[in-house]
C-alpha cells in the first residue's frame, strides 16, 4: 500500500504511444492516422518542451504550456 506522500507527489501523463503524430513548429498534432489528423480528428498539444532519451531516442516526452506531460513513441512520428 502506498503512503499518502507518494501519491501526492506522483504525476500522471497522457500515453500517446499507439497514436500517430507530427510536430508543426510549437504544436504537436496527435491522432489515429495521418488522414484523421488532416481532417481535424486529433488532439493538439501546444509544446513548451520536448525531451528525448539520450542514447536511444525511442520515446519523446512533450510538456505542454499548461505543464501536462505527454508520452509519444518516436517511431510513430510522421514526417
PDB file of N, CA and C in Angstrom:
ATOM      1  N   UNK A   1       0.837  -1.181   0.000  1.00  0.00           N
ATOM      2  CA  UNK A   1       0.000   0.000   0.000  1.00  0.00           C
ATOM      3  C   UNK A   1       0.884   1.247   0.000  1.00  0.00           C
ATOM      4  N   UNK A   2       0.527   2.203  -0.796  1.00  0.00           N
ATOM      5  CA  UNK A   2       1.304   3.454  -0.862  1.00  0.00           C
ATOM      6  C   UNK A   2       0.920   4.387   0.272  1.00  0.00           C
ATOM      7  N   UNK A   3       1.907   5.145   0.707  1.00  0.00           N
ATOM      8  CA  UNK A   3       1.552   6.142   1.700  1.00  0.00           C
ATOM      9  C   UNK A   3       1.094   7.414   0.993  1.00  0.00           C
ATOM     10  N   UNK A   4       0.487   8.305   1.723  1.00  0.00           N
ATOM     11  CA  UNK A   4      -0.151   9.494   1.146  1.00  0.00           C
ATOM     12  C   UNK A   4       0.847  10.409   0.443  1.00  0.00           C
ATOM     13  N   UNK A   5       2.055  10.566   0.960  1.00  0.00           N
ATOM     14  CA  UNK A   5       3.028  11.467   0.335  1.00  0.00           C
ATOM     15  C   UNK A   5       3.479  10.962  -1.022  1.00  0.00           C
ATOM     16  N   UNK A   6       3.528   9.647  -1.229  1.00  0.00           N
ATOM     17  CA  UNK A   6       3.909   9.112  -2.535  1.00  0.00           C
ATOM     18  C   UNK A   6       2.889   9.476  -3.598  1.00  0.00           C
ATOM     19  N   UNK A   7       1.605   9.380  -3.301  1.00  0.00           N
ATOM     20  CA  UNK A   7       0.580   9.686  -4.297  1.00  0.00           C
ATOM     21  C   UNK A   7       0.425  11.189  -4.496  1.00  0.00           C
ATOM     22  N   UNK A   8       0.694  11.994  -3.497  1.00  0.00           N
ATOM     23  CA  UNK A   8       0.613  13.448  -3.647  1.00  0.00           C
ATOM     24  C   UNK A   8       1.684  13.966  -4.594  1.00  0.00           C
ATOM     25  N   UNK A   9       2.859  13.346  -4.596  1.00  0.00           N
ATOM     26  CA  UNK A   9       3.964  13.789  -5.429  1.00  0.00           C
ATOM     27  C   UNK A   9       3.999  13.091  -6.786  1.00  0.00           C
ATOM     28  N   UNK A  10       3.102  12.173  -7.022  1.00  0.00           N
ATOM     29  CA  UNK A  10       3.095  11.397  -8.254  1.00  0.00           C
ATOM     30  C   UNK A  10       2.408  12.194  -9.364  1.00  0.00           C
ATOM     31  N   UNK A  11       3.054  12.261 -10.519  1.00  0.00           N
ATOM     32  CA  UNK A  11       2.485  12.964 -11.666  1.00  0.00           C
ATOM     33  C   UNK A  11       1.953  11.943 -12.660  1.00  0.00           C
ATOM     34  N   UNK A  12       0.954  12.326 -13.409  1.00  0.00           N
ATOM     35  CA  UNK A  12       0.415  11.452 -14.437  1.00  0.00           C
ATOM     36  C   UNK A  12       0.734  12.041 -15.804  1.00  0.00           C
ATOM     37  N   UNK A  13       0.601  11.225 -16.851  1.00  0.00           N
ATOM     38  CA  UNK A  13       0.868  11.699 -18.200  1.00  0.00           C
ATOM     39  C   UNK A  13      -0.093  11.038 -19.170  1.00  0.00           C
ATOM     40  N   UNK A  14      -0.283  11.666 -20.315  1.00  0.00           N
ATOM     41  CA  UNK A  14      -1.090  11.092 -21.393  1.00  0.00           C
ATOM     42  C   UNK A  14      -0.201  10.164 -22.201  1.00  0.00           C
ATOM     43  N   UNK A  15      -0.681   8.956 -22.461  1.00  0.00           N
ATOM     44  CA  UNK A  15       0.092   7.960 -23.198  1.00  0.00           C
ATOM     45  C   UNK A  15      -0.405   7.917 -24.642  1.00  0.00           C
ATOM     46  N   UNK A  16       0.363   8.504 -25.556  1.00  0.00           N
ATOM     47  CA  UNK A  16       0.027   8.531 -26.978  1.00  0.00           C
ATOM     48  C   UNK A  16       0.956   7.610 -27.778  1.00  0.00           C
ATOM     49  N   UNK A  17       1.484   6.548 -27.161  1.00  0.00           N
ATOM     50  CA  UNK A  17       2.459   5.703 -27.839  1.00  0.00           C
ATOM     51  C   UNK A  17       1.862   4.926 -29.009  1.00  0.00           C
ATOM     52  N   UNK A  18       0.559   4.723 -29.031  1.00  0.00           N
ATOM     53  CA  UNK A  18      -0.075   3.993 -30.130  1.00  0.00           C
ATOM     54  C   UNK A  18      -0.731   4.940 -31.135  1.00  0.00           C
ATOM     55  N   UNK A  19      -0.444   6.210 -31.041  1.00  0.00           N
ATOM     56  CA  UNK A  19      -1.031   7.210 -31.934  1.00  0.00           C
ATOM     57  C   UNK A  19       0.031   7.725 -32.899  1.00  0.00           C
ATOM     58  N   UNK A  20      -0.409   8.202 -34.047  1.00  0.00           N
ATOM     59  CA  UNK A  20       0.481   8.880 -34.994  1.00  0.00           C
ATOM     60  C   UNK A  20       0.538  10.353 -34.607  1.00  0.00           C
ATOM     61  N   UNK A  21       1.677  10.985 -34.892  1.00  0.00           N
ATOM     62  CA  UNK A  21       1.803  12.391 -34.527  1.00  0.00           C
ATOM     63  C   UNK A  21       2.819  13.082 -35.412  1.00  0.00           C
ATOM     64  N   UNK A  22       2.685  14.410 -35.493  1.00  0.00           N
ATOM     65  CA  UNK A  22       3.722  15.198 -36.145  1.00  0.00           C
ATOM     66  C   UNK A  22       3.819  16.555 -35.485  1.00  0.00           C
ATOM     67  N   UNK A  23       5.020  17.113 -35.565  1.00  0.00           N
ATOM     68  CA  UNK A  23       5.306  18.406 -34.955  1.00  0.00           C
ATOM     69  C   UNK A  23       5.326  19.468 -36.032  1.00  0.00           C
ATOM     70  N   UNK A  24       4.584  20.523 -35.794  1.00  0.00           N
ATOM     71  CA  UNK A  24       4.500  21.657 -36.705  1.00  0.00           C
ATOM     72  C   UNK A  24       4.837  22.908 -35.899  1.00  0.00           C
ATOM     73  N   UNK A  25       6.107  23.258 -35.868  1.00  0.00           N
ATOM     74  CA  UNK A  25       6.537  24.401 -35.057  1.00  0.00           C
ATOM     75  C   UNK A  25       6.421  24.072 -33.580  1.00  0.00           C
ATOM     76  N   UNK A  26       5.644  24.875 -32.848  1.00  0.00           N
ATOM     77  CA  UNK A  26       5.449  24.672 -31.416  1.00  0.00           C
ATOM     78  C   UNK A  26       4.198  23.861 -31.114  1.00  0.00           C
ATOM     79  N   UNK A  27       3.653  23.186 -32.119  1.00  0.00           N
ATOM     80  CA  UNK A  27       2.431  22.409 -31.939  1.00  0.00           C
ATOM     81  C   UNK A  27       2.679  20.968 -32.383  1.00  0.00           C
ATOM     82  N   UNK A  28       2.188  20.028 -31.594  1.00  0.00           N
ATOM     83  CA  UNK A  28       2.196  18.619 -31.968  1.00  0.00           C
ATOM     84  C   UNK A  28       0.745  18.194 -32.134  1.00  0.00           C
ATOM     85  N   UNK A  29       0.452  17.574 -33.271  1.00  0.00           N
ATOM     86  CA  UNK A  29      -0.894  17.053 -33.530  1.00  0.00           C
ATOM     87  C   UNK A  29      -0.833  15.534 -33.426  1.00  0.00           C
ATOM     88  N   UNK A  30      -1.754  14.958 -32.649  1.00  0.00           N
ATOM     89  CA  UNK A  30      -1.773  13.528 -32.367  1.00  0.00           C
ATOM     90  C   UNK A  30      -3.128  12.953 -32.760  1.00  0.00           C
ATOM     91  N   UNK A  31      -3.100  11.846 -33.523  1.00  0.00           N
ATOM     92  CA  UNK A  31      -4.340  11.192 -33.918  1.00  0.00           C
ATOM     93  C   UNK A  31      -4.116   9.745 -34.270  1.00  0.00           C
ATOM     94  N   UNK A  32      -5.192   9.072 -34.687  1.00  0.00           N
ATOM     95  CA  UNK A  32      -5.093   7.651 -35.021  1.00  0.00           C
ATOM     96  C   UNK A  32      -4.314   7.414 -36.308  1.00  0.00           C
ATOM     97  N   UNK A  33      -4.428   8.347 -37.268  1.00  0.00           N
ATOM     98  CA  UNK A  33      -3.733   8.197 -38.547  1.00  0.00           C
ATOM     99  C   UNK A  33      -3.528   9.578 -39.154  1.00  0.00           C
ATOM    100  N   UNK A  34      -2.687   9.650 -40.190  1.00  0.00           N
ATOM    101  CA  UNK A  34      -2.440  10.927 -40.846  1.00  0.00           C
ATOM    102  C   UNK A  34      -3.723  11.513 -41.443  1.00  0.00           C
ATOM    103  N   UNK A  35      -4.550  10.714 -42.147  1.00  0.00           N
ATOM    104  CA  UNK A  35      -5.804  11.294 -42.674  1.00  0.00           C
ATOM    105  C   UNK A  35      -6.711  11.847 -41.579  1.00  0.00           C
ATOM    106  N   UNK A  36      -6.785  11.155 -40.442  1.00  0.00           N
ATOM    107  CA  UNK A  36      -7.593  11.657 -39.328  1.00  0.00           C
ATOM    108  C   UNK A  36      -7.065  12.986 -38.813  1.00  0.00           C
ATOM    109  N   UNK A  37      -5.757  13.092 -38.713  1.00  0.00           N
ATOM    110  CA  UNK A  37      -5.142  14.332 -38.245  1.00  0.00           C
ATOM    111  C   UNK A  37      -5.449  15.466 -39.211  1.00  0.00           C
ATOM    112  N   UNK A  38      -5.335  15.195 -40.515  1.00  0.00           N
ATOM    113  CA  UNK A  38      -5.591  16.229 -41.526  1.00  0.00           C
ATOM    114  C   UNK A  38      -7.063  16.664 -41.546  1.00  0.00           C
ATOM    115  N   UNK A  39      -7.967  15.770 -41.170  1.00  0.00           N
ATOM    116  CA  UNK A  39      -9.394  16.103 -41.108  1.00  0.00           C
ATOM    117  C   UNK A  39      -9.744  16.850 -39.827  1.00  0.00           C
ATOM    118  N   UNK A  40      -8.795  16.965 -38.912  1.00  0.00           N
ATOM    119  CA  UNK A  40      -9.046  17.648 -37.642  1.00  0.00           C
ATOM    120  C   UNK A  40      -9.411  16.703 -36.514  1.00  0.00           C
ATOM    121  N   UNK A  41      -9.398  15.407 -36.769  1.00  0.00           N
ATOM    122  CA  UNK A  41      -9.699  14.428 -35.731  1.00  0.00           C
ATOM    123  C   UNK A  41      -8.467  14.111 -34.916  1.00  0.00           C
ATOM    124  N   UNK A  42      -7.979  15.107 -34.197  1.00  0.00           N
ATOM    125  CA  UNK A  42      -6.730  14.924 -33.462  1.00  0.00           C
ATOM    126  C   UNK A  42      -6.720  15.767 -32.200  1.00  0.00           C
ATOM    127  N   UNK A  43      -5.748  15.506 -31.385  1.00  0.00           N
ATOM    128  CA  UNK A  43      -5.503  16.320 -30.202  1.00  0.00           C
ATOM    129  C   UNK A  43      -4.308  17.215 -30.504  1.00  0.00           C
ATOM    130  N   UNK A  44      -4.403  18.467 -30.129  1.00  0.00           N
ATOM    131  CA  UNK A  44      -3.332  19.427 -30.376  1.00  0.00           C
ATOM    132  C   UNK A  44      -2.639  19.767 -29.063  1.00  0.00           C
ATOM    133  N   UNK A  45      -1.325  19.650 -29.067  1.00  0.00           N
ATOM    134  CA  UNK A  45      -0.522  19.956 -27.886  1.00  0.00           C
ATOM    135  C   UNK A  45       0.320  21.190 -28.196  1.00  0.00           C
ATOM    136  N   UNK A  46       0.143  22.248 -27.402  1.00  0.00           N
ATOM    137  CA  UNK A  46       0.998  23.429 -27.529  1.00  0.00           C
ATOM    138  C   UNK A  46       2.250  23.173 -26.707  1.00  0.00           C
ATOM    139  N   UNK A  47       3.350  22.953 -27.386  1.00  0.00           N
ATOM    140  CA  UNK A  47       4.569  22.458 -26.754  1.00  0.00           C
ATOM    141  C   UNK A  47       5.357  23.568 -26.066  1.00  0.00           C
ATOM    142  N   UNK A  48       5.742  23.267 -24.843  1.00  0.00           N
ATOM    143  CA  UNK A  48       6.675  24.124 -24.102  1.00  0.00           C
ATOM    144  C   UNK A  48       8.072  23.528 -24.192  1.00  0.00           C
ATOM    145  N   UNK A  49       8.134  22.170 -24.090  1.00  0.00           N
ATOM    146  CA  UNK A  49       9.427  21.491 -24.066  1.00  0.00           C
ATOM    147  C   UNK A  49       9.251  20.054 -24.548  1.00  0.00           C
ATOM    148  N   UNK A  50      10.258  19.536 -25.264  1.00  0.00           N
ATOM    149  CA  UNK A  50      10.260  18.139 -25.698  1.00  0.00           C
ATOM    150  C   UNK A  50      11.539  17.487 -25.188  1.00  0.00           C
ATOM    151  N   UNK A  51      11.395  16.324 -24.567  1.00  0.00           N
ATOM    152  CA  UNK A  51      12.535  15.574 -24.050  1.00  0.00           C
ATOM    153  C   UNK A  51      12.613  14.252 -24.790  1.00  0.00           C
ATOM    154  N   UNK A  52      13.825  13.816 -25.095  1.00  0.00           N
ATOM    155  CA  UNK A  52      14.001  12.504 -25.702  1.00  0.00           C
ATOM    156  C   UNK A  52      15.183  11.822 -25.035  1.00  0.00           C
ATOM    157  N   UNK A  53      15.192  10.499 -25.120  1.00  0.00           N
ATOM    158  CA  UNK A  53      16.243   9.712 -24.474  1.00  0.00           C
ATOM    159  C   UNK A  53      17.612  10.058 -25.021  1.00  0.00           C
ATOM    160  N   UNK A  54      18.611   9.978 -24.180  1.00  0.00           N
ATOM    161  CA  UNK A  54      19.963  10.375 -24.572  1.00  0.00           C
ATOM    162  C   UNK A  54      20.579   9.411 -25.579  1.00  0.00           C
ATOM    163  N   UNK A  55      20.525   8.146 -25.278  1.00  0.00           N
ATOM    164  CA  UNK A  55      21.207   7.204 -26.163  1.00  0.00           C
ATOM    165  C   UNK A  55      20.264   6.669 -27.247  1.00  0.00           C
ATOM    166  N   UNK A  56      19.098   6.219 -26.852  1.00  0.00           N
ATOM    167  CA  UNK A  56      18.122   5.693 -27.804  1.00  0.00           C
ATOM    168  C   UNK A  56      16.922   6.618 -27.801  1.00  0.00           C
ATOM    169  N   UNK A  57      16.637   7.226 -28.911  1.00  0.00           N
ATOM    170  CA  UNK A  57      15.548   8.203 -28.998  1.00  0.00           C
ATOM    171  C   UNK A  57      14.228   7.525 -29.375  1.00  0.00           C
ATOM    172  N   UNK A  58      13.892   6.472 -28.630  1.00  0.00           N
ATOM    173  CA  UNK A  58      12.707   5.675 -28.907  1.00  0.00           C
ATOM    174  C   UNK A  58      11.426   6.381 -28.475  1.00  0.00           C
ATOM    175  N   UNK A  59      11.509   7.171 -27.431  1.00  0.00           N
ATOM    176  CA  UNK A  59      10.349   7.856 -26.871  1.00  0.00           C
ATOM    177  C   UNK A  59      10.611   9.347 -26.795  1.00  0.00           C
ATOM    178  N   UNK A  60       9.550  10.118 -26.859  1.00  0.00           N
ATOM    179  CA  UNK A  60       9.642  11.553 -26.623  1.00  0.00           C
ATOM    180  C   UNK A  60       8.624  11.914 -25.559  1.00  0.00           C
ATOM    181  N   UNK A  61       8.992  12.816 -24.714  1.00  0.00           N
ATOM    182  CA  UNK A  61       8.082  13.340 -23.708  1.00  0.00           C
ATOM    183  C   UNK A  61       7.850  14.805 -24.052  1.00  0.00           C
ATOM    184  N   UNK A  62       6.589  15.149 -24.287  1.00  0.00           N
ATOM    185  CA  UNK A  62       6.239  16.533 -24.600  1.00  0.00           C
ATOM    186  C   UNK A  62       5.555  17.136 -23.379  1.00  0.00           C
ATOM    187  N   UNK A  63       6.021  18.299 -22.989  1.00  0.00           N
ATOM    188  CA  UNK A  63       5.401  19.039 -21.894  1.00  0.00           C
ATOM    189  C   UNK A  63       4.723  20.240 -22.521  1.00  0.00           C
ATOM    190  N   UNK A  64       3.406  20.362 -22.284  1.00  0.00           N
ATOM    191  CA  UNK A  64       2.681  21.466 -22.907  1.00  0.00           C
ATOM    192  C   UNK A  64       2.772  22.730 -22.053  1.00  0.00           C
ATOM    193  N   UNK A  65       2.208  23.788 -22.562  1.00  0.00           N
ATOM    194  CA  UNK A  65       2.312  25.086 -21.887  1.00  0.00           C
ATOM    195  C   UNK A  65       1.566  25.136 -20.566  1.00  0.00           C
ATOM    196  N   UNK A  66       0.674  24.146 -20.339  1.00  0.00           N
ATOM    197  CA  UNK A  66      -0.047  24.056 -19.065  1.00  0.00           C
ATOM    198  C   UNK A  66       0.678  23.154 -18.076  1.00  0.00           C
ATOM    199  N   UNK A  67       1.829  22.580 -18.505  1.00  0.00           N
ATOM    200  CA  UNK A  67       2.604  21.709 -17.637  1.00  0.00           C
ATOM    201  C   UNK A  67       2.179  20.251 -17.682  1.00  0.00           C
ATOM    202  N   UNK A  68       1.234  19.890 -18.554  1.00  0.00           N
ATOM    203  CA  UNK A  68       0.819  18.493 -18.691  1.00  0.00           C
ATOM    204  C   UNK A  68       1.881  17.733 -19.477  1.00  0.00           C
ATOM    205  N   UNK A  69       2.033  16.452 -19.169  1.00  0.00           N
ATOM    206  CA  UNK A  69       3.071  15.618 -19.764  1.00  0.00           C
ATOM    207  C   UNK A  69       2.421  14.604 -20.710  1.00  0.00           C
ATOM    208  N   UNK A  70       3.032  14.421 -21.888  1.00  0.00           N
ATOM    209  CA  UNK A  70       2.507  13.523 -22.912  1.00  0.00           C
ATOM    210  C   UNK A  70       3.635  12.625 -23.419  1.00  0.00           C
ATOM    211  N   UNK A  71       3.399  11.300 -23.439  1.00  0.00           N
ATOM    212  CA  UNK A  71       4.381  10.333 -23.910  1.00  0.00           C
ATOM    213  C   UNK A  71       4.079   9.981 -25.365  1.00  0.00           C
ATOM    214  N   UNK A  72       5.091  10.117 -26.236  1.00  0.00           N
ATOM    215  CA  UNK A  72       4.952   9.834 -27.656  1.00  0.00           C
ATOM    216  C   UNK A  72       6.019   8.820 -28.071  1.00  0.00           C
ATOM    217  N   UNK A  73       5.677   7.954 -29.000  1.00  0.00           N
ATOM    218  CA  UNK A  73       6.645   6.979 -29.499  1.00  0.00           C
ATOM    219  C   UNK A  73       7.296   7.545 -30.762  1.00  0.00           C
ATOM    220  N   UNK A  74       8.605   7.623 -30.787  1.00  0.00           N
ATOM    221  CA  UNK A  74       9.329   8.241 -31.896  1.00  0.00           C
ATOM    222  C   UNK A  74       9.046   7.567 -33.233  1.00  0.00           C
ATOM    223  N   UNK A  75       8.850   6.238 -33.226  1.00  0.00           N
ATOM    224  CA  UNK A  75       8.610   5.534 -34.493  1.00  0.00           C
ATOM    225  C   UNK A  75       7.245   5.851 -35.080  1.00  0.00           C
ATOM    226  N   UNK A  76       6.363   6.486 -34.341  1.00  0.00           N
ATOM    227  CA  UNK A  76       5.033   6.855 -34.833  1.00  0.00           C
ATOM    228  C   UNK A  76       5.007   8.286 -35.348  1.00  0.00           C
ATOM    229  N   UNK A  77       6.167   8.963 -35.345  1.00  0.00           N
ATOM    230  CA  UNK A  77       6.213  10.355 -35.816  1.00  0.00           C
ATOM    231  C   UNK A  77       6.089  10.387 -37.337  1.00  0.00           C
ATOM    232  N   UNK A  78       5.197  11.241 -37.825  1.00  0.00           N
ATOM    233  CA  UNK A  78       5.017  11.438 -39.260  1.00  0.00           C
ATOM    234  C   UNK A  78       5.919  12.562 -39.704  1.00  0.00           C
ATOM    235  N   UNK A  79       6.528  12.392 -40.854  1.00  0.00           N
ATOM    236  CA  UNK A  79       7.427  13.430 -41.355  1.00  0.00           C
ATOM    237  C   UNK A  79       7.065  13.801 -42.752  1.00  0.00           C
TER     238      UNK A  79
END
